[in-house]
Amino acid sequence: MTPAETIHCDQAIFTSVRGPMGEGYRIIAASRGLRSEEKQAITRLSPSHEALCWQPASGGDETPRYAVAFYSLPAGRLCVAYSCYAGAEHTARGGHRVYTHNVIFDEQEFPRCGFNPFHVLRAMVAEGLTVPKLTPGAVLPELLLPINTNVAPRTASLTVSLDSPHRRYVLQRLFDEHTLIVPVQDGWLESTEVLLMGIPGPMRARVSFGAGLRFSLGRCHRLHLFCDEKGAARSRIAGQPVEYLDGTVTPPDGSVSAWLAFVDRHWSRSDCAVLARRTSRPFTDLTPAARDRIGKLYNAMDAVPLTASLDLLSLAADHIRARSADVEDEIRRELLAETQRTLQERLTNIRWHDAHPLWSRLVAFWRQTDVAFAQPLIEAALRSLVKEDPLTAAEAAIDVASCLPSTVDRDRHERLVDEVLTRVAAHLPADADPERLAKLCSRWQFVRPGHPTLRKLVERGSTAQTAGPTSR
């Protein structure tokens, strides 16, 4: 397991308490590094009375519930905000006090968080920062927050109300920099994290969101997931550039990009851990064209087990020649490794009837394209064939016994040829076709004159030629 990364954070507490500065919701404590313009933004974007999507259960024994927001601040730093209830509201309004703990860090730290604000949230929970403190000192210390990026989301699925067309639409609109309201009954945090994993990691710093917070135009983010039972938010956004996407709205038909197809496949399988690993990489090219290229790579990788072997060789040839940005090259190498592993597994147990159409293409690939990729496949095929039909294996081995590519490991390759010939000599059937055997020996003497292992085969081939038709 990778050790936790540690990020440097400032912090601020926003809630409602009675104090020397009066009553009402405000920042009651903050670390010294928080700038005035950042305090103003936090004050504007933090939730206050009646802003959470649920009411505490009576008895106080319910599982802790909370809301989360994530956004960038004026100077470019990022803020993760945890909001919960903290007892009764002390003013005449009554109800429940809303308490928000904010951590603020430089955007340069975001890659160390796996590009995931929910990793920061989980670190806040682990460090006890989410336990309400209503009488803190006015000055809070700077935080050194350990971030564990190996922790998976609490659940790997989206709310059932977000079916495939709707969730793809949400993702595309986020790419288009639109503002969206997605009303759901529950699971706001889990669904928001899973949606966020559909976005390339470096882009997420610009995707602000609120999850579990009632909508307010004054706290407007790019994405809002919350409970809107009475549809109050729909009326508030009249005339505003905000889309309200619920089950009654049918997303327009449109072509699905390779990136959307790749992401939605993982969503359909509830495979958020793999999706997060694939999308939370330090991509340098975030254009639609780059996303499409990356999506095609991942789609091809996932299709490898169902792809015909000849097509896998063609796929490998295409991607061995290609070059692009660093992260794309890493993904391409992963695709090639998966392609090679699958072909090697198939060839380990292949029969000549199935191997014959592939063999000549494989040998050409070995000579002309990439020896390192093809050599293990050549070895797997010959070792499999020599068990099934030694004579056929010896004939196939001639194709790779001479005119070796310059980059081949000659010692390793010679050991392979010796191994094949040795097994053929040891396991040649007594009823082998004499003419075929004689021809084989003649060919091998040409490419390996004086090879010690050929003596037994040459003797049998010479006997077969002398015996002629009477040996049949």
Protein backbone atom coordinates (compact mmCIF):
# COMPACT_ATOMS: atom_id res chain seq x y z
CA MET A 1 0.00 0.00 0.00
CA THR A 2 1.28 3.45 -0.90
CA PRO A 3 2.01 5.62 2.17
CA ALA A 4 -0.41 8.46 2.76
CA GLU A 5 0.52 11.79 1.21
CA THR A 6 0.54 14.80 3.52
CA ILE A 7 -0.83 18.12 2.33
CA HIS A 8 -0.56 21.53 4.00
CA CYS A 9 -3.93 23.13 4.67
CA ASP A 10 -5.47 26.18 6.25
CA GLN A 11 -8.83 25.74 7.96
CA ALA A 12 -11.91 27.71 8.94
CA ILE A 13 -15.08 26.98 10.94
CA PHE A 14 -18.34 28.55 9.80
CA THR A 15 -21.41 28.30 12.02
CA SER A 16 -23.78 30.26 14.25
CA VAL A 17 -22.80 31.00 17.85
CA ARG A 18 -23.36 33.83 20.27
CA GLY A 19 -20.15 35.77 20.93
CA PRO A 20 -18.45 39.16 21.23
CA MET A 21 -18.93 39.76 17.50
CA GLY A 22 -22.69 39.23 17.78
CA GLU A 23 -24.95 36.46 16.53
CA GLY A 24 -25.59 34.79 13.21
CA TYR A 25 -23.65 32.66 10.76
CA ARG A 26 -20.04 33.65 10.22
CA ILE A 27 -16.48 32.34 10.36
CA ILE A 28 -15.88 31.89 14.08
CA ALA A 29 -12.29 30.58 13.80
CA ALA A 30 -9.65 30.37 11.08
CA SER A 31 -5.94 29.75 10.64
CA ARG A 32 -3.67 32.73 10.03
CA GLY A 33 -2.94 31.83 6.42
CA LEU A 34 -6.52 32.41 5.29
CA ARG A 35 -6.73 35.60 3.23
CA SER A 36 -9.52 38.14 3.52
CA GLU A 37 -10.90 37.46 0.04
CA GLU A 38 -10.92 33.74 0.81
CA LYS A 39 -12.87 34.37 4.02
CA GLN A 40 -15.40 36.40 2.04
CA ALA A 41 -15.85 33.58 -0.49
CA ILE A 42 -16.21 30.95 2.25
CA THR A 43 -18.79 33.11 4.02
CA ARG A 44 -20.79 33.50 0.80
CA LEU A 45 -20.63 29.81 -0.15
CA SER A 46 -21.16 28.19 3.26
CA PRO A 47 -24.61 26.84 4.23
CA SER A 48 -26.66 28.37 7.01
CA HIS A 49 -30.08 27.81 8.59
CA GLU A 50 -32.24 25.11 6.92
CA ALA A 51 -29.60 24.54 4.22
CA LEU A 52 -29.14 20.77 4.68
CA CYS A 53 -31.34 18.21 2.96
CA TRP A 54 -32.52 16.28 6.01
CA GLN A 55 -33.54 16.68 9.60
CA PRO A 56 -31.78 14.90 12.47
CA ALA A 57 -33.60 11.81 13.71
CA SER A 58 -35.06 11.98 17.19
CA GLY A 59 -33.05 10.04 19.78
CA GLY A 60 -29.71 11.05 18.28
CA ASP A 61 -28.72 7.51 17.29
CA GLU A 62 -28.84 7.81 13.53
CA THR A 63 -25.78 7.15 11.36
CA PRO A 64 -23.90 10.46 11.00
CA ARG A 65 -25.05 12.37 7.93
CA TYR A 66 -23.34 15.30 6.36
CA ALA A 67 -23.12 17.42 3.23
CA VAL A 68 -20.05 18.37 1.22
CA ALA A 69 -19.03 21.23 -1.03
CA PHE A 70 -15.93 21.73 -3.14
CA TYR A 71 -14.88 24.87 -4.95
CA SER A 72 -11.95 27.10 -5.85
CA LEU A 73 -11.26 30.34 -4.01
CA PRO A 74 -10.37 33.74 -5.55
CA ALA A 75 -6.62 33.31 -5.19
CA GLY A 76 -6.73 29.87 -6.82
CA ARG A 77 -6.67 27.64 -3.76
CA LEU A 78 -9.21 24.84 -3.30
CA CYS A 79 -11.70 24.38 -0.48
CA VAL A 80 -13.35 21.18 0.77
CA ALA A 81 -16.24 21.92 3.15
CA TYR A 82 -17.92 19.42 5.49
CA SER A 83 -21.34 20.44 6.83
CA CYS A 84 -23.44 18.79 9.52
CA TYR A 85 -25.87 19.61 12.32
CA ALA A 86 -24.42 20.73 15.65
CA GLY A 87 -27.25 20.93 18.15
CA ALA A 88 -30.06 23.43 18.38
CA GLU A 89 -29.96 26.84 16.76
CA HIS A 90 -29.49 29.40 19.55
CA THR A 91 -31.41 32.22 17.86
CA ALA A 92 -35.14 32.82 17.86
CA ARG A 93 -35.45 31.04 14.52
CA GLY A 94 -35.15 27.70 16.28
CA GLY A 95 -34.37 24.51 14.44
CA HIS A 96 -30.92 23.02 14.08
CA ARG A 97 -27.53 24.72 13.88
CA VAL A 98 -25.54 24.04 10.69
CA TYR A 99 -21.81 23.61 11.25
CA THR A 100 -19.20 23.69 8.46
CA HIS A 101 -15.50 22.87 8.72
CA ASN A 102 -13.47 24.05 5.72
CA VAL A 103 -9.98 22.99 4.71
CA ILE A 104 -8.11 25.04 2.14
CA PHE A 105 -5.06 23.96 0.17
CA ASP A 106 -3.04 24.92 -2.90
CA GLU A 107 -4.14 23.48 -6.22
CA GLN A 108 -0.61 22.10 -6.65
CA GLU A 109 -1.47 19.67 -3.82
CA PHE A 110 -4.49 18.30 -5.70
CA PRO A 111 -2.57 15.53 -7.54
CA ARG A 112 -1.38 14.25 -4.16
CA CYS A 113 -5.07 13.88 -3.23
CA GLY A 114 -5.64 11.67 -6.26
CA PHE A 115 -7.51 14.63 -7.81
CA ASN A 116 -10.38 13.65 -5.51
CA PRO A 117 -11.85 16.04 -2.91
CA PHE A 118 -13.56 13.06 -1.26
CA HIS A 119 -10.14 11.73 -0.27
CA VAL A 120 -9.67 15.03 1.57
CA LEU A 121 -13.10 14.60 3.16
CA ARG A 122 -12.23 11.11 4.39
CA ALA A 123 -8.97 12.45 5.81
CA MET A 124 -10.93 15.13 7.68
CA VAL A 125 -13.15 12.44 9.20
CA ALA A 126 -10.14 10.31 10.15
CA GLU A 127 -8.43 13.28 11.83
CA GLY A 128 -11.50 14.22 13.88
CA LEU A 129 -12.03 17.52 12.10
CA THR A 130 -15.70 16.77 11.54
CA VAL A 131 -16.59 16.73 15.24
CA PRO A 132 -18.26 20.12 15.84
CA LYS A 133 -16.24 22.55 17.97
CA LEU A 134 -18.48 25.43 19.00
CA THR A 135 -15.96 27.17 21.28
CA PRO A 136 -12.66 26.99 19.42
CA GLY A 137 -9.96 29.58 19.80
CA ALA A 138 -10.19 32.39 17.29
CA VAL A 139 -6.97 31.22 15.60
CA LEU A 140 -6.79 27.66 14.32
CA PRO A 141 -3.48 25.94 13.55
CA GLU A 142 -2.30 25.08 10.06
CA LEU A 143 -3.08 21.48 9.19
CA LEU A 144 -0.82 18.71 7.96
CA LEU A 145 -3.48 16.39 6.58
CA PRO A 146 -2.51 12.79 5.63
CA ILE A 147 -4.35 11.71 2.49
CA ASN A 148 -4.88 8.04 1.73
CA THR A 149 -5.72 7.71 -1.97
CA ASN A 150 -6.13 3.93 -1.73
CA VAL A 151 -9.51 4.20 -0.01
CA ALA A 152 -12.41 3.44 -2.34
CA PRO A 153 -15.76 5.26 -2.15
CA ARG A 154 -18.24 3.94 0.39
CA THR A 155 -20.34 2.61 -2.46
CA ALA A 156 -19.38 2.09 -6.05
CA SER A 157 -22.74 2.80 -7.64
CA LEU A 158 -24.78 5.77 -8.72
CA THR A 159 -28.31 6.39 -7.51
CA VAL A 160 -30.79 4.35 -9.56
CA SER A 161 -32.48 7.54 -10.74
CA LEU A 162 -29.43 8.29 -12.86
CA ASP A 163 -29.81 5.80 -15.68
CA SER A 164 -27.31 5.55 -18.51
CA PRO A 165 -28.65 8.36 -20.77
CA HIS A 166 -29.01 10.77 -17.83
CA ARG A 167 -25.58 10.18 -16.32
CA ARG A 168 -23.87 10.42 -19.71
CA TYR A 169 -25.71 13.68 -20.28
CA VAL A 170 -24.61 15.02 -16.89
CA LEU A 171 -21.00 14.20 -17.69
CA GLN A 172 -21.12 15.80 -21.13
CA ARG A 173 -22.72 18.97 -19.76
CA LEU A 174 -19.98 19.21 -17.15
CA PHE A 175 -17.43 18.97 -19.96
CA ASP A 176 -19.37 21.77 -21.69
CA GLU A 177 -19.03 23.88 -18.50
CA HIS A 178 -22.76 24.05 -17.81
CA THR A 179 -24.34 24.32 -14.36
CA LEU A 180 -26.57 21.40 -13.39
CA ILE A 181 -29.08 20.56 -10.69
CA VAL A 182 -29.62 16.81 -10.30
CA PRO A 183 -32.33 16.18 -7.68
CA VAL A 184 -32.08 12.74 -6.04
CA GLN A 185 -33.69 11.33 -2.90
CA ASP A 186 -30.50 10.21 -1.17
CA GLY A 187 -26.94 9.03 -1.79
CA TRP A 188 -25.84 12.54 -2.70
CA LEU A 189 -22.21 12.12 -1.64
CA GLU A 190 -21.69 8.69 -3.16
CA SER A 191 -23.30 9.64 -6.46
CA THR A 192 -21.34 12.90 -6.66
CA GLU A 193 -18.04 11.10 -6.14
CA VAL A 194 -18.85 8.48 -8.76
CA LEU A 195 -19.88 11.18 -11.25
CA LEU A 196 -16.70 13.10 -10.51
CA MET A 197 -14.62 10.00 -11.31
CA GLY A 198 -15.93 10.26 -14.88
CA ILE A 199 -13.89 13.46 -15.34
CA PRO A 200 -10.12 13.41 -16.02
CA GLY A 201 -8.34 14.16 -12.74
CA PRO A 202 -6.79 17.56 -13.53
CA MET A 203 -10.16 18.89 -14.79
CA ARG A 204 -11.88 18.24 -11.45
CA ALA A 205 -10.32 21.29 -9.80
CA ARG A 206 -12.71 23.40 -11.91
CA VAL A 207 -15.82 21.31 -11.21
CA SER A 208 -17.29 22.83 -8.07
CA PHE A 209 -20.15 20.92 -6.45
CA GLY A 210 -22.53 20.78 -3.55
CA ALA A 211 -23.85 17.43 -2.34
CA GLY A 212 -26.63 17.25 0.23
CA LEU A 213 -27.03 21.06 0.34
CA ARG A 214 -30.27 22.76 -0.59
CA PHE A 215 -29.86 24.89 -3.70
CA SER A 216 -29.27 28.62 -3.44
CA LEU A 217 -28.29 30.99 -6.25
CA GLY A 218 -25.87 32.59 -3.79
CA ARG A 219 -24.12 29.21 -3.37
CA CYS A 220 -24.21 28.20 -7.01
CA HIS A 221 -21.77 25.48 -8.09
CA ARG A 222 -21.27 23.60 -11.34
CA LEU A 223 -23.01 20.49 -10.01
CA HIS A 224 -25.69 20.12 -7.34
CA LEU A 225 -27.01 16.81 -6.03
CA PHE A 226 -29.64 17.13 -3.30
CA CYS A 227 -33.20 16.30 -2.33
CA ASP A 228 -35.74 18.71 -3.88
CA GLU A 229 -39.02 17.05 -2.90
CA LYS A 230 -41.19 20.11 -3.47
CA GLY A 231 -39.34 21.31 -6.57
CA ALA A 232 -38.42 24.62 -4.94
CA ALA A 233 -35.11 24.81 -6.79
CA ARG A 234 -36.82 24.56 -10.18
CA SER A 235 -38.68 27.82 -9.58
CA ARG A 236 -35.58 29.57 -8.23
CA ILE A 237 -33.58 29.03 -11.41
CA ALA A 238 -36.18 30.54 -13.77
CA GLY A 239 -34.26 32.71 -16.22
CA GLN A 240 -30.89 31.51 -14.91
CA PRO A 241 -28.29 29.53 -16.93
CA VAL A 242 -28.89 26.45 -14.77
CA GLU A 243 -30.26 23.11 -16.00
CA TYR A 244 -32.63 21.06 -13.86
CA LEU A 245 -32.26 17.40 -14.73
CA ASP A 246 -34.70 15.01 -13.12
CA GLY A 247 -36.44 11.85 -14.29
CA THR A 248 -39.04 13.82 -16.25
CA VAL A 249 -36.38 15.38 -18.49
CA THR A 250 -35.34 13.28 -21.49
CA PRO A 251 -31.72 13.96 -22.50
CA PRO A 252 -31.40 14.74 -26.20
CA ASP A 253 -30.08 11.99 -28.43
CA GLY A 254 -26.51 12.36 -29.50
CA SER A 255 -23.45 10.41 -30.40
CA VAL A 256 -21.61 8.91 -27.46
CA SER A 257 -17.90 9.71 -27.44
CA ALA A 258 -15.33 7.02 -26.73
CA TRP A 259 -14.65 8.62 -23.34
CA LEU A 260 -18.35 8.61 -22.37
CA ALA A 261 -18.69 4.99 -23.49
CA PHE A 262 -15.65 3.97 -21.44
CA VAL A 263 -16.86 5.75 -18.30
CA ASP A 264 -20.46 4.57 -18.59
CA ARG A 265 -19.34 0.96 -18.96
CA HIS A 266 -17.63 1.20 -15.57
CA TRP A 267 -20.66 2.91 -14.05
CA SER A 268 -22.89 0.12 -15.38
CA ARG A 269 -20.64 -2.46 -13.73
CA SER A 270 -20.41 -0.51 -10.43
CA ASP A 271 -16.66 -0.63 -11.00
CA CYS A 272 -15.73 2.71 -9.49
CA ALA A 273 -12.36 1.58 -8.12
CA VAL A 274 -11.03 0.77 -11.60
CA LEU A 275 -12.67 3.87 -13.08
CA ALA A 276 -11.04 6.09 -10.46
CA ARG A 277 -7.63 4.55 -11.09
CA ARG A 278 -7.97 5.07 -14.84
CA THR A 279 -9.27 8.64 -14.78
CA SER A 280 -7.25 10.00 -11.82
CA ARG A 281 -4.03 10.32 -13.77
CA PRO A 282 -1.98 13.46 -14.48
CA PHE A 283 -3.28 13.99 -18.00
CA THR A 284 -1.67 16.92 -19.75
CA ASP A 285 -3.99 17.11 -22.76
CA LEU A 286 -7.61 17.58 -21.68
CA THR A 287 -9.14 18.47 -25.05
CA PRO A 288 -12.14 16.52 -26.39
CA ALA A 289 -9.86 14.91 -28.99
CA ALA A 290 -7.48 13.71 -26.28
CA ARG A 291 -10.33 12.35 -24.19
CA ASP A 292 -11.58 10.48 -27.23
CA ARG A 293 -8.15 8.94 -27.86
CA ILE A 294 -7.85 7.85 -24.24
CA GLY A 295 -11.38 6.47 -24.25
CA LYS A 296 -10.57 4.41 -27.35
CA LEU A 297 -7.47 3.00 -25.66
CA TYR A 298 -9.45 1.93 -22.61
CA ASN A 299 -12.29 0.56 -24.76
CA ALA A 300 -9.81 -1.48 -26.77
CA MET A 301 -8.16 -2.73 -23.56
CA ASP A 302 -11.47 -3.94 -22.15
CA ALA A 303 -12.39 -5.59 -25.45
CA VAL A 304 -9.14 -7.60 -25.68
CA PRO A 305 -10.59 -10.84 -24.25
CA LEU A 306 -13.30 -10.85 -26.94
CA THR A 307 -11.09 -9.78 -29.86
CA ALA A 308 -9.88 -12.31 -32.45
CA SER A 309 -6.16 -13.08 -32.28
CA LEU A 310 -5.41 -11.77 -35.79
CA ASP A 311 -7.15 -8.53 -34.89
CA LEU A 312 -5.10 -8.32 -31.69
CA LEU A 313 -1.91 -8.51 -33.74
CA SER A 314 -3.17 -5.69 -35.95
CA LEU A 315 -4.11 -3.67 -32.86
CA ALA A 316 -0.65 -4.20 -31.40
CA ALA A 317 1.01 -3.15 -34.64
CA ASP A 318 -0.99 0.09 -34.72
CA HIS A 319 -0.18 1.07 -31.16
CA ILE A 320 3.47 0.04 -31.17
CA ARG A 321 4.03 2.60 -33.93
CA ALA A 322 1.97 5.36 -32.26
CA ARG A 323 3.40 8.03 -29.98
CA SER A 324 1.63 10.72 -27.94
CA ALA A 325 1.66 12.46 -24.56
CA ASP A 326 3.25 10.72 -21.58
CA VAL A 327 0.07 9.49 -19.86
CA GLU A 328 -1.38 8.27 -23.15
CA ASP A 329 1.82 6.34 -23.77
CA GLU A 330 1.47 4.72 -20.35
CA ILE A 331 -2.08 3.63 -21.19
CA ARG A 332 -0.93 2.41 -24.59
CA ARG A 333 1.76 0.30 -22.94
CA GLU A 334 -0.91 -1.15 -20.65
CA LEU A 335 -3.00 -2.02 -23.71
CA LEU A 336 -0.03 -3.69 -25.39
CA ALA A 337 0.79 -5.64 -22.23
CA GLU A 338 -2.80 -6.89 -21.97
CA THR A 339 -2.82 -7.79 -25.66
CA GLN A 340 0.45 -9.68 -25.34
CA ARG A 341 -0.71 -11.49 -22.19
CA THR A 342 -3.96 -12.58 -23.85
CA LEU A 343 -2.23 -13.80 -27.02
CA GLN A 344 0.38 -15.67 -25.00
CA GLU A 345 -2.32 -17.34 -22.93
CA ARG A 346 -4.17 -18.41 -26.08
CA LEU A 347 -1.03 -19.69 -27.79
CA THR A 348 0.02 -21.70 -24.75
CA ASN A 349 -2.82 -24.15 -25.39
CA ILE A 350 -3.47 -23.64 -29.09
CA ARG A 351 -3.85 -26.40 -31.68
CA TRP A 352 -2.22 -26.14 -35.09
CA HIS A 353 -5.57 -25.97 -36.83
CA ASP A 354 -6.17 -22.67 -35.02
CA ALA A 355 -2.56 -21.51 -34.96
CA HIS A 356 -1.86 -21.97 -38.68
CA PRO A 357 -3.70 -18.79 -39.88
CA LEU A 358 -1.96 -16.79 -37.15
CA TRP A 359 1.55 -18.20 -37.46
CA SER A 360 2.70 -16.46 -40.63
CA ARG A 361 1.35 -13.10 -39.40
CA LEU A 362 3.08 -13.63 -36.08
CA VAL A 363 6.40 -14.44 -37.73
CA ALA A 364 6.11 -11.33 -39.93
CA PHE A 365 5.31 -9.25 -36.86
CA TRP A 366 8.37 -10.71 -35.11
CA ARG A 367 10.65 -9.84 -38.04
CA GLN A 368 9.26 -6.49 -39.06
CA THR A 369 7.47 -4.82 -36.14
CA ASP A 370 8.54 -5.64 -32.60
CA VAL A 371 10.66 -8.56 -31.42
CA ALA A 372 10.10 -7.90 -27.72
CA PHE A 373 6.34 -8.13 -28.16
CA ALA A 374 6.37 -11.18 -30.45
CA GLN A 375 9.16 -13.32 -28.98
CA PRO A 376 7.11 -14.67 -26.02
CA LEU A 377 4.31 -15.47 -28.46
CA ILE A 378 6.63 -17.36 -30.79
CA GLU A 379 7.92 -19.35 -27.84
CA ALA A 380 4.42 -20.12 -26.50
CA ALA A 381 3.17 -21.27 -29.89
CA LEU A 382 6.12 -23.60 -30.60
CA ARG A 383 6.06 -25.14 -27.13
CA SER A 384 2.35 -25.79 -27.44
CA LEU A 385 2.60 -27.24 -30.96
CA VAL A 386 5.50 -29.56 -30.20
CA LYS A 387 3.31 -31.27 -27.60
CA GLU A 388 0.47 -31.76 -30.08
CA ASP A 389 2.39 -32.58 -33.27
CA PRO A 390 6.22 -32.66 -33.12
CA LEU A 391 6.63 -32.89 -36.90
CA THR A 392 4.42 -29.83 -37.52
CA ALA A 393 6.22 -27.92 -34.79
CA ALA A 394 9.58 -28.70 -36.39
CA GLU A 395 8.29 -27.44 -39.74
CA ALA A 396 6.97 -24.23 -38.15
CA ALA A 397 10.24 -23.66 -36.27
CA ILE A 398 12.15 -23.47 -39.56
CA ASP A 399 10.36 -20.16 -40.20
CA VAL A 400 12.16 -18.59 -37.24
CA ALA A 401 15.46 -20.48 -37.38
CA SER A 402 17.35 -18.16 -39.73
CA CYS A 403 17.58 -14.50 -40.76
CA LEU A 404 16.98 -13.45 -37.17
CA PRO A 405 15.96 -9.85 -36.43
CA SER A 406 18.86 -7.76 -35.22
CA THR A 407 17.24 -7.05 -31.84
CA VAL A 408 16.47 -10.64 -30.92
CA ASP A 409 18.19 -12.25 -27.93
CA ARG A 410 20.14 -14.82 -29.95
CA ASP A 411 21.13 -17.03 -27.04
CA ARG A 412 17.55 -17.24 -25.81
CA HIS A 413 16.26 -17.90 -29.31
CA GLU A 414 18.84 -20.63 -29.95
CA ARG A 415 17.77 -22.34 -26.74
CA LEU A 416 14.20 -22.31 -28.03
CA VAL A 417 15.21 -23.90 -31.34
CA ASP A 418 17.28 -26.52 -29.51
CA GLU A 419 14.35 -27.26 -27.22
CA VAL A 420 12.00 -27.81 -30.16
CA LEU A 421 14.42 -30.06 -32.03
CA THR A 422 15.19 -32.06 -28.90
CA ARG A 423 11.50 -32.68 -28.22
CA VAL A 424 10.87 -33.59 -31.84
CA ALA A 425 13.72 -36.11 -31.80
CA ALA A 426 12.47 -37.59 -28.54
CA HIS A 427 8.78 -37.75 -29.38
CA LEU A 428 8.61 -38.24 -33.14
CA PRO A 429 5.82 -40.73 -33.87
CA ALA A 430 6.86 -44.08 -35.32
CA ASP A 431 4.35 -43.70 -38.14
CA ALA A 432 5.61 -40.27 -39.28
CA ASP A 433 5.24 -39.72 -43.05
CA PRO A 434 8.66 -40.72 -44.51
CA GLU A 435 8.63 -38.25 -47.40
CA ARG A 436 7.58 -35.41 -45.14
CA LEU A 437 10.26 -36.34 -42.60
CA ALA A 438 12.95 -36.54 -45.24
CA LYS A 439 12.02 -33.15 -46.63
CA LEU A 440 12.02 -31.68 -43.12
CA CYS A 441 15.51 -33.05 -42.40
CA SER A 442 16.82 -31.63 -45.66
CA ARG A 443 15.49 -28.18 -44.81
CA TRP A 444 16.88 -28.28 -41.29
CA GLN A 445 20.33 -29.37 -42.52
CA PHE A 446 20.34 -26.27 -44.71
CA VAL A 447 19.55 -23.84 -41.84
CA ARG A 448 21.41 -25.72 -39.08
CA PRO A 449 24.18 -27.74 -40.75
CA GLY A 450 25.93 -30.02 -38.30
CA HIS A 451 23.44 -29.44 -35.48
CA PRO A 452 23.92 -32.41 -33.10
CA THR A 453 20.22 -32.87 -32.39
CA LEU A 454 19.49 -33.34 -36.08
CA ARG A 455 21.45 -36.60 -36.38
CA LYS A 456 18.63 -38.82 -35.22
CA LEU A 457 16.16 -37.03 -37.50
CA VAL A 458 18.58 -37.15 -40.44
CA GLU A 459 19.08 -40.88 -39.96
CA ARG A 460 15.34 -41.48 -39.98
CA GLY A 461 14.90 -39.16 -42.94
CA SER A 462 17.64 -40.99 -44.92
CA THR A 463 16.10 -44.36 -44.08
CA ALA A 464 12.72 -43.10 -45.19
CA GLN A 465 14.12 -41.93 -48.54
CA THR A 466 15.89 -45.26 -49.16
CA ALA A 467 12.86 -47.30 -48.19
CA GLY A 468 10.67 -45.35 -50.58
CA PRO A 469 7.11 -46.51 -51.21
CA THR A 470 7.64 -49.89 -49.51
CA SER A 471 7.74 -48.09 -46.11
CA ARG A 472 4.12 -47.04 -46.49
